[in-house]
C-alpha atoms as a PDB file:
ATOM      1  CA  MET A   1     103.889 105.818 132.458  1.00  0.00           C
ATOM      2  CA  LYS A   2     100.710 104.880 130.902  1.00  0.00           C
ATOM      3  CA  HIS A   3     101.843 106.194 127.499  1.00  0.00           C
ATOM      4  CA  LEU A   4     104.742 104.126 127.789  1.00  0.00           C
ATOM      5  CA  LEU A   5     103.080 100.910 128.624  1.00  0.00           C
ATOM      6  CA  THR A   6     100.816 101.637 125.784  1.00  0.00           C
ATOM      7  CA  THR A   7     103.455 102.120 123.208  1.00  0.00           C
ATOM      8  CA  PHE A   8     105.095  98.824 124.410  1.00  0.00           C
ATOM      9  CA  LEU A   9     101.929  97.117 124.041  1.00  0.00           C
ATOM     10  CA  LEU A  10     101.246  98.544 120.502  1.00  0.00           C
ATOM     11  CA  LEU A  11     105.144  97.679 119.659  1.00  0.00           C
ATOM     12  CA  ALA A  12     104.482  94.390 121.155  1.00  0.00           C
ATOM     13  CA  VAL A  13     101.353  93.201 118.718  1.00  0.00           C
ATOM     14  CA  THR A  14     103.109  94.731 116.197  1.00  0.00           C
ATOM     15  CA  VAL A  15     106.329  92.424 116.153  1.00  0.00           C
ATOM     16  CA  LEU A  16     103.821  89.433 117.274  1.00  0.00           C
ATOM     17  CA  ALA A  17     101.582  90.164 113.988  1.00  0.00           C
ATOM     18  CA  GLY A  18     104.479  90.365 111.671  1.00  0.00           C
ATOM     19  CA  CYS A  19     105.793  86.948 113.014  1.00  0.00           C
ATOM     20  CA  ALA A  20     102.354  85.199 112.775  1.00  0.00           C
ATOM     21  CA  SER A  21     101.864  86.139 109.082  1.00  0.00           C
ATOM     22  CA  HIS A  22     103.366  83.416 107.330  1.00  0.00           C
ATOM     23  CA  VAL A  23     104.589  84.854 103.529  1.00  0.00           C
ATOM     24  CA  SER A  24     105.672  81.904 101.579  1.00  0.00           C
ATOM     25  CA  PRO A  25     107.524  82.834  98.459  1.00  0.00           C
ATOM     26  CA  GLU A  26     106.117  82.421  95.242  1.00  0.00           C
ATOM     27  CA  LEU A  27     106.202  79.133  93.670  1.00  0.00           C
ATOM     28  CA  ARG A  28     108.122  79.138  90.298  1.00  0.00           C
ATOM     29  CA  PRO A  29     107.540  76.432  87.768  1.00  0.00           C
ATOM     30  CA  TYR A  30     110.008  73.930  87.375  1.00  0.00           C
ATOM     31  CA  THR A  31     112.560  74.019  84.463  1.00  0.00           C
ATOM     32  CA  ALA A  32     112.248  71.310  81.552  1.00  0.00           C
ATOM     33  CA  GLU A  33     115.528  69.999  82.985  1.00  0.00           C
ATOM     34  CA  GLU A  34     114.546  69.821  86.574  1.00  0.00           C
ATOM     35  CA  SER A  35     111.266  68.284  85.574  1.00  0.00           C
ATOM     36  CA  LYS A  36     113.369  65.645  83.524  1.00  0.00           C
ATOM     37  CA  GLU A  37     115.653  65.338  86.866  1.00  0.00           C
ATOM     38  CA  LEU A  38     112.539  64.697  89.181  1.00  0.00           C
ATOM     39  CA  ALA A  39     111.001  62.244  86.869  1.00  0.00           C
ATOM     40  CA  LEU A  40     114.021  60.221  86.809  1.00  0.00           C
ATOM     41  CA  GLU A  41     114.466  60.021  90.592  1.00  0.00           C
ATOM     42  CA  ALA A  42     110.991  58.974  90.909  1.00  0.00           C
ATOM     43  CA  LEU A  43     111.758  56.176  88.156  1.00  0.00           C
ATOM     44  CA  ASN A  44     114.960  55.079  90.011  1.00  0.00           C
ATOM     45  CA  ARG A  45     112.798  54.478  93.291  1.00  0.00           C
ATOM     46  CA  ARG A  46     110.035  52.429  91.659  1.00  0.00           C
ATOM     47  CA  GLY A  47     111.867  49.276  91.884  1.00  0.00           C
ATOM     48  CA  LEU A  48     111.419  48.327  88.559  1.00  0.00           C
ATOM     49  CA  SER A  49     112.584  45.434  86.319  1.00  0.00           C
ATOM     50  CA  PHE A  50     115.827  45.888  84.186  1.00  0.00           C
ATOM     51  CA  ASP A  51     114.018  45.879  80.934  1.00  0.00           C
ATOM     52  CA  GLU A  52     110.826  47.932  82.514  1.00  0.00           C
ATOM     53  CA  TYR A  53     113.362  50.476  83.790  1.00  0.00           C
ATOM     54  CA  HIS A  54     115.255  51.031  80.461  1.00  0.00           C
ATOM     55  CA  ALA A  55     112.000  51.320  78.605  1.00  0.00           C
ATOM     56  CA  LYS A  56     110.674  54.106  81.051  1.00  0.00           C
ATOM     57  CA  LYS A  57     114.214  55.754  80.784  1.00  0.00           C
ATOM     58  CA  ALA A  58     114.297  55.792  77.266  1.00  0.00           C
ATOM     59  CA  GLU A  59     110.628  57.181  76.979  1.00  0.00           C
ATOM     60  CA  LEU A  60     111.432  60.057  79.536  1.00  0.00           C
ATOM     61  CA  LEU A  61     114.882  61.138  77.687  1.00  0.00           C
ATOM     62  CA  GLY A  62     113.226  60.600  74.463  1.00  0.00           C
ATOM     63  CA  GLN A  63     115.596  58.385  73.276  1.00  0.00           C
ATOM     64  CA  PRO A  64     114.931  55.406  70.828  1.00  0.00           C
ATOM     65  CA  GLN A  65     114.432  52.091  73.176  1.00  0.00           C
ATOM     66  CA  LYS A  66     117.963  50.104  72.891  1.00  0.00           C
ATOM     67  CA  SER A  67     117.486  46.048  73.125  1.00  0.00           C
ATOM     68  CA  PHE A  68     119.580  44.518  75.619  1.00  0.00           C
ATOM     69  CA  ASN A  69     119.205  40.731  74.448  1.00  0.00           C
ATOM     70  CA  PHE A  70     121.083  37.240  74.740  1.00  0.00           C
ATOM     71  CA  ASP A  71     123.035  36.570  71.834  1.00  0.00           C
ATOM     72  CA  THR A  72     123.346  32.676  70.419  1.00  0.00           C
ATOM     73  CA  GLN A  73     125.975  31.756  72.733  1.00  0.00           C
ATOM     74  CA  GLY A  74     124.121  32.665  75.990  1.00  0.00           C
ATOM     75  CA  GLU A  75     126.102  35.945  76.633  1.00  0.00           C
ATOM     76  CA  MET A  76     124.756  39.335  77.184  1.00  0.00           C
ATOM     77  CA  ASN A  77     124.720  41.826  74.332  1.00  0.00           C
ATOM     78  CA  ALA A  78     124.810  45.112  75.623  1.00  0.00           C
ATOM     79  CA  GLU A  79     125.530  46.518  71.894  1.00  0.00           C
ATOM     80  CA  ARG A  80     129.306  46.882  72.535  1.00  0.00           C
ATOM     81  CA  ALA A  81     131.339  48.975  70.025  1.00  0.00           C
ATOM     82  CA  VAL A  82     134.698  47.815  71.146  1.00  0.00           C
ATOM     83  CA  GLN A  83     136.041  44.906  69.201  1.00  0.00           C
ATOM     84  CA  LEU A  84     139.018  43.013  70.275  1.00  0.00           C
ATOM     85  CA  HIS A  85     141.299  42.199  67.453  1.00  0.00           C
ATOM     86  CA  GLY A  86     141.833  38.063  67.040  1.00  0.00           C
ATOM     87  CA  ARG A  87     139.209  37.040  69.670  1.00  0.00           C
ATOM     88  CA  PRO A  88     135.747  37.680  70.108  1.00  0.00           C
ATOM     89  CA  SER A  89     134.541  40.007  72.360  1.00  0.00           C
END
């Protein structure tokens, strides 16, 4: 009976010790694409103004900063490539 109890206690201690040791998976470094996505998500949550947001986004993406200015008629000019024939766009 003592051998059975000793074996059971040894088995229980082994199982509990295995469950208690937390083995975390090794952290791998983020790829460049994942880092860029995380930075863009963080940028979206910052609550910046329109101009600040687009300046930071262009900086993150490595693109030249586009200017979003008002034209002389007081309308927004977002550099539209579509021109309507016979009338101003």
